[in-house]
Amino acid sequence: MRVLGLDFGSKTVGVAVSDELMLTAQGLEIIRRESPNKLRRTLARIAQLTEEYQAERIVLGYPKNMNGTEGERCEKTKEFAELLKKRTNLPVELWDERLTTVEADRIMMETGVRRENRKQYADEIAASLILQGYLDSLKNGAEV
């Protein structure tokens, strides 16, 4: 079984996929959108990736505020999750993504990615971190 991980933003969606044993997450790509309200192509690409990788579930980063409250981005993420469920017929899990962008930036800094190039990789790395957190919770027997 494979799982697709997504980092949903207003302009981009970072995509990662698990290995078949669901041990590790690997970044796949960043889907760029022309407008925050135009999701048809984005949904079509995600559906294509779920078929290509035979994913049986989607884990979608859920952008809670640092104090645990839910803001406008959480509402948009829930709406996107519903669209994903309808388009792919797969279960969609919301996964707390707090600090994943900060962690992605730290990883890129440590690996020598130049500051001006970091934005082009941040969403894909964040998607990998979201998915890896989910996979790790499964390994540790946590309720998901």
N, C-alpha and C. Protein backbone atom coordinates (compact mmCIF):
# COMPACT_ATOMS: atom_id res chain seq x y z
N MET A 1 0.84 -1.19 0.00
CA MET A 1 0.00 0.00 0.00
C MET A 1 0.88 1.25 0.00
N ARG A 2 0.46 2.23 -0.76
CA ARG A 2 1.16 3.51 -0.78
C ARG A 2 0.21 4.62 -0.34
N VAL A 3 0.82 5.68 0.18
CA VAL A 3 0.07 6.85 0.63
C VAL A 3 0.66 8.07 -0.06
N LEU A 4 -0.20 8.97 -0.49
CA LEU A 4 0.23 10.23 -1.08
C LEU A 4 0.14 11.30 -0.01
N GLY A 5 1.18 12.12 0.12
CA GLY A 5 1.18 13.23 1.08
C GLY A 5 1.14 14.55 0.33
N LEU A 6 0.33 15.49 0.84
CA LEU A 6 0.17 16.77 0.17
C LEU A 6 0.37 17.94 1.14
N ASP A 7 1.08 18.96 0.66
CA ASP A 7 1.20 20.23 1.36
C ASP A 7 0.45 21.26 0.52
N PHE A 8 -0.77 21.60 0.92
CA PHE A 8 -1.68 22.45 0.15
C PHE A 8 -1.45 23.91 0.51
N GLY A 9 -1.09 24.70 -0.49
CA GLY A 9 -0.91 26.13 -0.30
C GLY A 9 -1.76 26.92 -1.25
N SER A 10 -1.71 28.24 -1.14
CA SER A 10 -2.56 29.08 -1.98
C SER A 10 -2.10 29.09 -3.44
N LYS A 11 -0.80 28.83 -3.69
CA LYS A 11 -0.29 28.85 -5.07
C LYS A 11 0.28 27.52 -5.53
N THR A 12 0.62 26.67 -4.58
CA THR A 12 1.26 25.41 -4.92
C THR A 12 0.74 24.27 -4.05
N VAL A 13 0.97 23.05 -4.52
CA VAL A 13 0.71 21.84 -3.73
C VAL A 13 1.96 20.98 -3.83
N GLY A 14 2.63 20.79 -2.70
CA GLY A 14 3.76 19.88 -2.65
C GLY A 14 3.24 18.46 -2.56
N VAL A 15 3.90 17.53 -3.27
CA VAL A 15 3.43 16.14 -3.33
C VAL A 15 4.57 15.20 -2.94
N ALA A 16 4.24 14.22 -2.10
CA ALA A 16 5.18 13.17 -1.72
C ALA A 16 4.45 11.84 -1.76
N VAL A 17 5.20 10.75 -1.83
CA VAL A 17 4.60 9.42 -1.85
C VAL A 17 5.41 8.51 -0.92
N SER A 18 4.70 7.55 -0.33
CA SER A 18 5.39 6.58 0.52
C SER A 18 5.92 5.43 -0.33
N ASP A 19 6.85 4.69 0.24
CA ASP A 19 7.25 3.43 -0.40
C ASP A 19 6.14 2.41 -0.11
N GLU A 20 6.21 1.24 -0.74
CA GLU A 20 5.15 0.25 -0.60
C GLU A 20 5.04 -0.31 0.81
N LEU A 21 6.13 -0.29 1.56
CA LEU A 21 6.11 -0.78 2.94
C LEU A 21 5.64 0.29 3.92
N MET A 22 5.40 1.49 3.42
CA MET A 22 4.96 2.63 4.21
C MET A 22 5.95 2.97 5.34
N LEU A 23 7.24 2.95 4.98
CA LEU A 23 8.28 3.29 5.93
C LEU A 23 8.84 4.68 5.68
N THR A 24 8.97 5.04 4.40
CA THR A 24 9.61 6.32 4.08
C THR A 24 8.77 7.12 3.08
N ALA A 25 8.95 8.43 3.15
CA ALA A 25 8.27 9.35 2.23
C ALA A 25 9.32 9.96 1.30
N GLN A 26 8.97 10.06 0.03
CA GLN A 26 9.85 10.70 -0.95
C GLN A 26 9.08 11.81 -1.65
N GLY A 27 9.74 12.95 -1.82
CA GLY A 27 9.11 14.04 -2.54
C GLY A 27 8.95 13.69 -4.00
N LEU A 28 7.83 14.10 -4.60
CA LEU A 28 7.58 13.82 -6.01
C LEU A 28 7.67 15.08 -6.86
N GLU A 29 6.87 16.08 -6.50
CA GLU A 29 6.80 17.27 -7.35
C GLU A 29 6.05 18.38 -6.63
N ILE A 30 6.04 19.53 -7.26
CA ILE A 30 5.25 20.67 -6.81
C ILE A 30 4.28 21.02 -7.94
N ILE A 31 3.00 21.02 -7.61
CA ILE A 31 1.98 21.41 -8.58
C ILE A 31 1.73 22.90 -8.39
N ARG A 32 1.93 23.68 -9.45
CA ARG A 32 1.74 25.13 -9.37
C ARG A 32 0.39 25.49 -9.96
N ARG A 33 -0.29 26.44 -9.28
CA ARG A 33 -1.61 26.87 -9.72
C ARG A 33 -1.57 28.31 -10.19
N GLU A 34 -2.40 28.62 -11.19
CA GLU A 34 -2.48 29.98 -11.71
C GLU A 34 -3.20 30.90 -10.74
N SER A 35 -4.19 30.36 -10.04
CA SER A 35 -5.02 31.16 -9.14
C SER A 35 -5.42 30.29 -7.95
N PRO A 36 -5.57 30.89 -6.76
CA PRO A 36 -5.98 30.10 -5.59
C PRO A 36 -7.32 29.40 -5.77
N ASN A 37 -8.18 29.94 -6.62
CA ASN A 37 -9.52 29.35 -6.80
C ASN A 37 -9.62 28.35 -7.94
N LYS A 38 -8.55 28.18 -8.69
CA LYS A 38 -8.57 27.25 -9.82
C LYS A 38 -7.92 25.94 -9.40
N LEU A 39 -8.77 24.94 -9.18
CA LEU A 39 -8.28 23.67 -8.65
C LEU A 39 -8.47 22.48 -9.60
N ARG A 40 -9.15 22.68 -10.70
CA ARG A 40 -9.47 21.56 -11.59
C ARG A 40 -8.21 20.81 -12.05
N ARG A 41 -7.22 21.54 -12.55
CA ARG A 41 -5.99 20.89 -13.03
C ARG A 41 -5.22 20.26 -11.88
N THR A 42 -5.22 20.94 -10.74
CA THR A 42 -4.54 20.40 -9.56
C THR A 42 -5.15 19.07 -9.14
N LEU A 43 -6.47 19.03 -9.06
CA LEU A 43 -7.17 17.79 -8.69
C LEU A 43 -6.93 16.69 -9.72
N ALA A 44 -6.93 17.07 -10.99
CA ALA A 44 -6.68 16.09 -12.05
C ALA A 44 -5.28 15.50 -11.93
N ARG A 45 -4.28 16.34 -11.64
CA ARG A 45 -2.91 15.85 -11.50
C ARG A 45 -2.78 14.94 -10.28
N ILE A 46 -3.40 15.31 -9.19
CA ILE A 46 -3.34 14.47 -7.99
C ILE A 46 -4.02 13.12 -8.25
N ALA A 47 -5.15 13.14 -8.93
CA ALA A 47 -5.83 11.88 -9.27
C ALA A 47 -4.93 11.01 -10.15
N GLN A 48 -4.24 11.65 -11.09
CA GLN A 48 -3.31 10.93 -11.96
C GLN A 48 -2.18 10.30 -11.14
N LEU A 49 -1.65 11.04 -10.17
CA LEU A 49 -0.57 10.52 -9.33
C LEU A 49 -1.05 9.38 -8.43
N THR A 50 -2.28 9.48 -7.92
CA THR A 50 -2.79 8.38 -7.07
C THR A 50 -2.91 7.09 -7.88
N GLU A 51 -3.30 7.21 -9.14
CA GLU A 51 -3.40 6.03 -10.00
C GLU A 51 -2.01 5.50 -10.35
N GLU A 52 -1.12 6.42 -10.73
CA GLU A 52 0.22 6.03 -11.15
C GLU A 52 0.96 5.29 -10.03
N TYR A 53 0.82 5.77 -8.81
CA TYR A 53 1.52 5.16 -7.68
C TYR A 53 0.64 4.18 -6.89
N GLN A 54 -0.58 3.97 -7.37
CA GLN A 54 -1.52 3.06 -6.73
C GLN A 54 -1.71 3.40 -5.25
N ALA A 55 -1.82 4.69 -4.96
CA ALA A 55 -2.04 5.15 -3.59
C ALA A 55 -3.44 4.75 -3.13
N GLU A 56 -3.54 4.37 -1.88
CA GLU A 56 -4.81 3.96 -1.31
C GLU A 56 -5.34 4.96 -0.30
N ARG A 57 -4.57 6.02 -0.06
CA ARG A 57 -4.96 7.03 0.93
C ARG A 57 -4.18 8.30 0.63
N ILE A 58 -4.74 9.43 1.04
CA ILE A 58 -4.08 10.72 0.91
C ILE A 58 -3.97 11.34 2.30
N VAL A 59 -2.79 11.85 2.61
CA VAL A 59 -2.57 12.59 3.85
C VAL A 59 -2.35 14.04 3.46
N LEU A 60 -3.21 14.90 3.97
CA LEU A 60 -3.21 16.32 3.62
C LEU A 60 -2.79 17.14 4.82
N GLY A 61 -1.75 17.95 4.65
CA GLY A 61 -1.29 18.80 5.73
C GLY A 61 -2.39 19.74 6.19
N TYR A 62 -2.56 19.84 7.52
CA TYR A 62 -3.61 20.66 8.11
C TYR A 62 -2.94 21.81 8.87
N PRO A 63 -3.10 23.03 8.37
CA PRO A 63 -2.32 24.18 8.87
C PRO A 63 -2.90 24.86 10.11
N LYS A 64 -2.90 24.16 11.23
CA LYS A 64 -3.35 24.79 12.47
C LYS A 64 -2.38 25.91 12.86
N ASN A 65 -2.91 26.87 13.60
CA ASN A 65 -2.05 27.92 14.16
C ASN A 65 -1.19 27.32 15.26
N MET A 66 -0.12 28.00 15.60
CA MET A 66 0.80 27.47 16.61
C MET A 66 0.12 27.21 17.95
N ASN A 67 -0.93 27.97 18.27
CA ASN A 67 -1.64 27.77 19.55
C ASN A 67 -2.73 26.69 19.44
N GLY A 68 -2.81 26.02 18.29
CA GLY A 68 -3.76 24.93 18.10
C GLY A 68 -5.11 25.35 17.54
N THR A 69 -5.32 26.64 17.36
CA THR A 69 -6.59 27.11 16.79
C THR A 69 -6.59 26.91 15.28
N GLU A 70 -7.79 26.97 14.71
CA GLU A 70 -7.94 26.79 13.28
C GLU A 70 -8.35 28.12 12.64
N GLY A 71 -7.65 28.49 11.59
CA GLY A 71 -7.93 29.73 10.91
C GLY A 71 -8.53 29.51 9.53
N GLU A 72 -8.47 30.55 8.70
CA GLU A 72 -9.03 30.51 7.36
C GLU A 72 -8.39 29.42 6.50
N ARG A 73 -7.08 29.22 6.63
CA ARG A 73 -6.39 28.19 5.83
C ARG A 73 -6.93 26.79 6.16
N CYS A 74 -7.32 26.57 7.41
CA CYS A 74 -7.89 25.27 7.79
C CYS A 74 -9.20 25.04 7.05
N GLU A 75 -10.03 26.07 6.95
CA GLU A 75 -11.30 25.93 6.23
C GLU A 75 -11.06 25.59 4.76
N LYS A 76 -10.11 26.30 4.13
CA LYS A 76 -9.80 26.04 2.72
C LYS A 76 -9.24 24.62 2.55
N THR A 77 -8.47 24.18 3.52
CA THR A 77 -7.90 22.83 3.48
C THR A 77 -9.00 21.78 3.60
N LYS A 78 -9.96 22.00 4.48
CA LYS A 78 -11.08 21.06 4.61
C LYS A 78 -11.88 20.99 3.31
N GLU A 79 -12.11 22.14 2.68
CA GLU A 79 -12.82 22.17 1.40
C GLU A 79 -12.05 21.40 0.34
N PHE A 80 -10.73 21.60 0.31
CA PHE A 80 -9.88 20.89 -0.64
C PHE A 80 -9.93 19.38 -0.37
N ALA A 81 -9.94 18.99 0.91
CA ALA A 81 -10.02 17.56 1.27
C ALA A 81 -11.30 16.94 0.72
N GLU A 82 -12.41 17.65 0.82
CA GLU A 82 -13.67 17.14 0.29
C GLU A 82 -13.60 16.98 -1.23
N LEU A 83 -13.00 17.95 -1.91
CA LEU A 83 -12.84 17.86 -3.37
C LEU A 83 -11.96 16.66 -3.73
N LEU A 84 -10.89 16.43 -2.95
CA LEU A 84 -10.01 15.29 -3.20
C LEU A 84 -10.75 13.97 -3.04
N LYS A 85 -11.56 13.86 -1.98
CA LYS A 85 -12.33 12.63 -1.74
C LYS A 85 -13.24 12.34 -2.92
N LYS A 86 -13.93 13.37 -3.40
CA LYS A 86 -14.86 13.18 -4.52
C LYS A 86 -14.12 12.81 -5.80
N ARG A 87 -12.98 13.46 -6.03
CA ARG A 87 -12.24 13.24 -7.29
C ARG A 87 -11.54 11.89 -7.32
N THR A 88 -10.96 11.46 -6.18
CA THR A 88 -10.13 10.25 -6.17
C THR A 88 -10.83 9.02 -5.58
N ASN A 89 -11.93 9.23 -4.86
CA ASN A 89 -12.61 8.13 -4.15
C ASN A 89 -11.69 7.46 -3.13
N LEU A 90 -10.77 8.25 -2.56
CA LEU A 90 -9.85 7.74 -1.55
C LEU A 90 -10.09 8.45 -0.22
N PRO A 91 -9.79 7.77 0.89
CA PRO A 91 -9.86 8.47 2.17
C PRO A 91 -8.78 9.56 2.24
N VAL A 92 -9.12 10.69 2.84
CA VAL A 92 -8.18 11.80 3.00
C VAL A 92 -8.05 12.08 4.49
N GLU A 93 -6.83 11.95 5.00
CA GLU A 93 -6.53 12.21 6.41
C GLU A 93 -5.94 13.61 6.53
N LEU A 94 -6.45 14.40 7.47
CA LEU A 94 -5.84 15.70 7.76
C LEU A 94 -4.75 15.47 8.80
N TRP A 95 -3.56 16.04 8.55
CA TRP A 95 -2.42 15.81 9.42
C TRP A 95 -1.79 17.15 9.81
N ASP A 96 -1.61 17.35 11.11
CA ASP A 96 -1.05 18.60 11.64
C ASP A 96 0.29 18.89 10.98
N GLU A 97 0.37 20.03 10.32
CA GLU A 97 1.61 20.36 9.59
C GLU A 97 2.41 21.47 10.24
N ARG A 98 2.09 21.82 11.48
CA ARG A 98 2.82 22.91 12.14
C ARG A 98 4.32 22.66 12.10
N LEU A 99 5.03 23.67 11.74
CA LEU A 99 6.50 23.71 11.70
C LEU A 99 7.13 22.92 10.55
N THR A 100 6.36 22.33 9.66
CA THR A 100 6.98 21.58 8.57
C THR A 100 7.74 22.50 7.61
N THR A 101 7.24 23.70 7.37
CA THR A 101 7.94 24.63 6.48
C THR A 101 9.24 25.09 7.13
N VAL A 102 9.21 25.32 8.43
CA VAL A 102 10.43 25.70 9.16
C VAL A 102 11.45 24.57 9.08
N GLU A 103 10.99 23.34 9.28
CA GLU A 103 11.87 22.17 9.21
C GLU A 103 12.42 21.99 7.80
N ALA A 104 11.57 22.20 6.79
CA ALA A 104 12.02 22.09 5.40
C ALA A 104 13.12 23.12 5.12
N ASP A 105 12.94 24.33 5.61
CA ASP A 105 13.95 25.38 5.41
C ASP A 105 15.26 25.00 6.10
N ARG A 106 15.16 24.43 7.31
CA ARG A 106 16.36 24.00 8.04
C ARG A 106 17.10 22.91 7.27
N ILE A 107 16.36 21.96 6.73
CA ILE A 107 16.96 20.86 5.96
C ILE A 107 17.70 21.43 4.75
N MET A 108 17.06 22.35 4.04
CA MET A 108 17.70 22.92 2.86
C MET A 108 18.94 23.72 3.22
N MET A 109 18.89 24.43 4.35
CA MET A 109 20.05 25.20 4.79
C MET A 109 21.21 24.25 5.10
N GLU A 110 20.91 23.17 5.81
CA GLU A 110 21.94 22.20 6.18
C GLU A 110 22.53 21.47 4.99
N THR A 111 21.74 21.31 3.94
CA THR A 111 22.24 20.59 2.76
C THR A 111 22.82 21.52 1.71
N GLY A 112 22.88 22.81 2.03
CA GLY A 112 23.56 23.76 1.15
C GLY A 112 22.74 24.33 0.01
N VAL A 113 21.41 24.21 0.08
CA VAL A 113 20.57 24.82 -0.96
C VAL A 113 20.62 26.34 -0.77
N ARG A 114 20.94 27.05 -1.81
CA ARG A 114 21.05 28.50 -1.73
C ARG A 114 19.71 29.13 -1.37
N ARG A 115 19.77 30.19 -0.59
CA ARG A 115 18.56 30.86 -0.09
C ARG A 115 17.59 31.19 -1.22
N GLU A 116 18.09 31.71 -2.32
CA GLU A 116 17.21 32.12 -3.42
C GLU A 116 16.56 30.93 -4.13
N ASN A 117 17.08 29.72 -3.91
CA ASN A 117 16.52 28.53 -4.55
C ASN A 117 15.60 27.72 -3.62
N ARG A 118 15.53 28.09 -2.35
CA ARG A 118 14.79 27.28 -1.38
C ARG A 118 13.30 27.23 -1.64
N LYS A 119 12.71 28.32 -2.08
CA LYS A 119 11.26 28.35 -2.26
C LYS A 119 10.79 27.29 -3.26
N GLN A 120 11.61 27.02 -4.27
CA GLN A 120 11.18 26.06 -5.28
C GLN A 120 11.17 24.62 -4.78
N TYR A 121 11.79 24.37 -3.63
CA TYR A 121 11.81 23.01 -3.08
C TYR A 121 11.00 22.87 -1.79
N ALA A 122 10.68 23.98 -1.14
CA ALA A 122 10.09 23.96 0.20
C ALA A 122 8.79 23.14 0.28
N ASP A 123 7.90 23.31 -0.67
CA ASP A 123 6.61 22.63 -0.60
C ASP A 123 6.73 21.12 -0.77
N GLU A 124 7.62 20.69 -1.63
CA GLU A 124 7.84 19.25 -1.83
C GLU A 124 8.45 18.62 -0.57
N ILE A 125 9.40 19.31 0.02
CA ILE A 125 10.02 18.81 1.25
C ILE A 125 9.00 18.81 2.39
N ALA A 126 8.18 19.87 2.48
CA ALA A 126 7.13 19.92 3.50
C ALA A 126 6.15 18.76 3.34
N ALA A 127 5.78 18.45 2.10
CA ALA A 127 4.88 17.30 1.85
C ALA A 127 5.53 16.01 2.34
N SER A 128 6.83 15.87 2.11
CA SER A 128 7.55 14.68 2.59
C SER A 128 7.54 14.61 4.11
N LEU A 129 7.72 15.75 4.76
CA LEU A 129 7.72 15.79 6.23
C LEU A 129 6.34 15.47 6.80
N ILE A 130 5.30 15.99 6.16
CA ILE A 130 3.93 15.69 6.58
C ILE A 130 3.68 14.19 6.48
N LEU A 131 4.01 13.62 5.33
CA LEU A 131 3.79 12.20 5.11
C LEU A 131 4.65 11.35 6.03
N GLN A 132 5.91 11.75 6.23
CA GLN A 132 6.78 10.97 7.11
C GLN A 132 6.26 10.98 8.55
N GLY A 133 5.74 12.12 9.00
CA GLY A 133 5.14 12.18 10.33
C GLY A 133 3.97 11.21 10.47
N TYR A 134 3.15 11.15 9.45
CA TYR A 134 2.03 10.22 9.43
C TYR A 134 2.52 8.77 9.46
N LEU A 135 3.49 8.45 8.59
CA LEU A 135 4.02 7.09 8.54
C LEU A 135 4.65 6.70 9.87
N ASP A 136 5.40 7.61 10.48
CA ASP A 136 6.04 7.34 11.77
C ASP A 136 4.99 7.06 12.85
N SER A 137 3.87 7.78 12.79
CA SER A 137 2.82 7.55 13.80
C SER A 137 2.22 6.15 13.64
N LEU A 138 2.13 5.67 12.40
CA LEU A 138 1.64 4.32 12.17
C LEU A 138 2.60 3.28 12.75
N LYS A 139 3.90 3.52 12.53
CA LYS A 139 4.92 2.59 13.04
C LYS A 139 4.91 2.54 14.56
N ASN A 140 4.59 3.69 15.17
CA ASN A 140 4.60 3.78 16.63
C ASN A 140 3.27 3.36 17.24
N GLY A 141 2.35 2.90 16.39
CA GLY A 141 1.09 2.38 16.89
C GLY A 141 0.10 3.44 17.33
N ALA A 142 0.30 4.66 16.93
CA ALA A 142 -0.62 5.73 17.30
C ALA A 142 -1.93 5.61 16.55
N GLU A 143 -2.99 6.07 17.17
CA GLU A 143 -4.30 6.12 16.49
C GLU A 143 -4.24 7.18 15.42
N VAL A 144 -4.66 6.84 14.23
CA VAL A 144 -4.68 7.81 13.14
C VAL A 144 -6.08 7.97 12.63
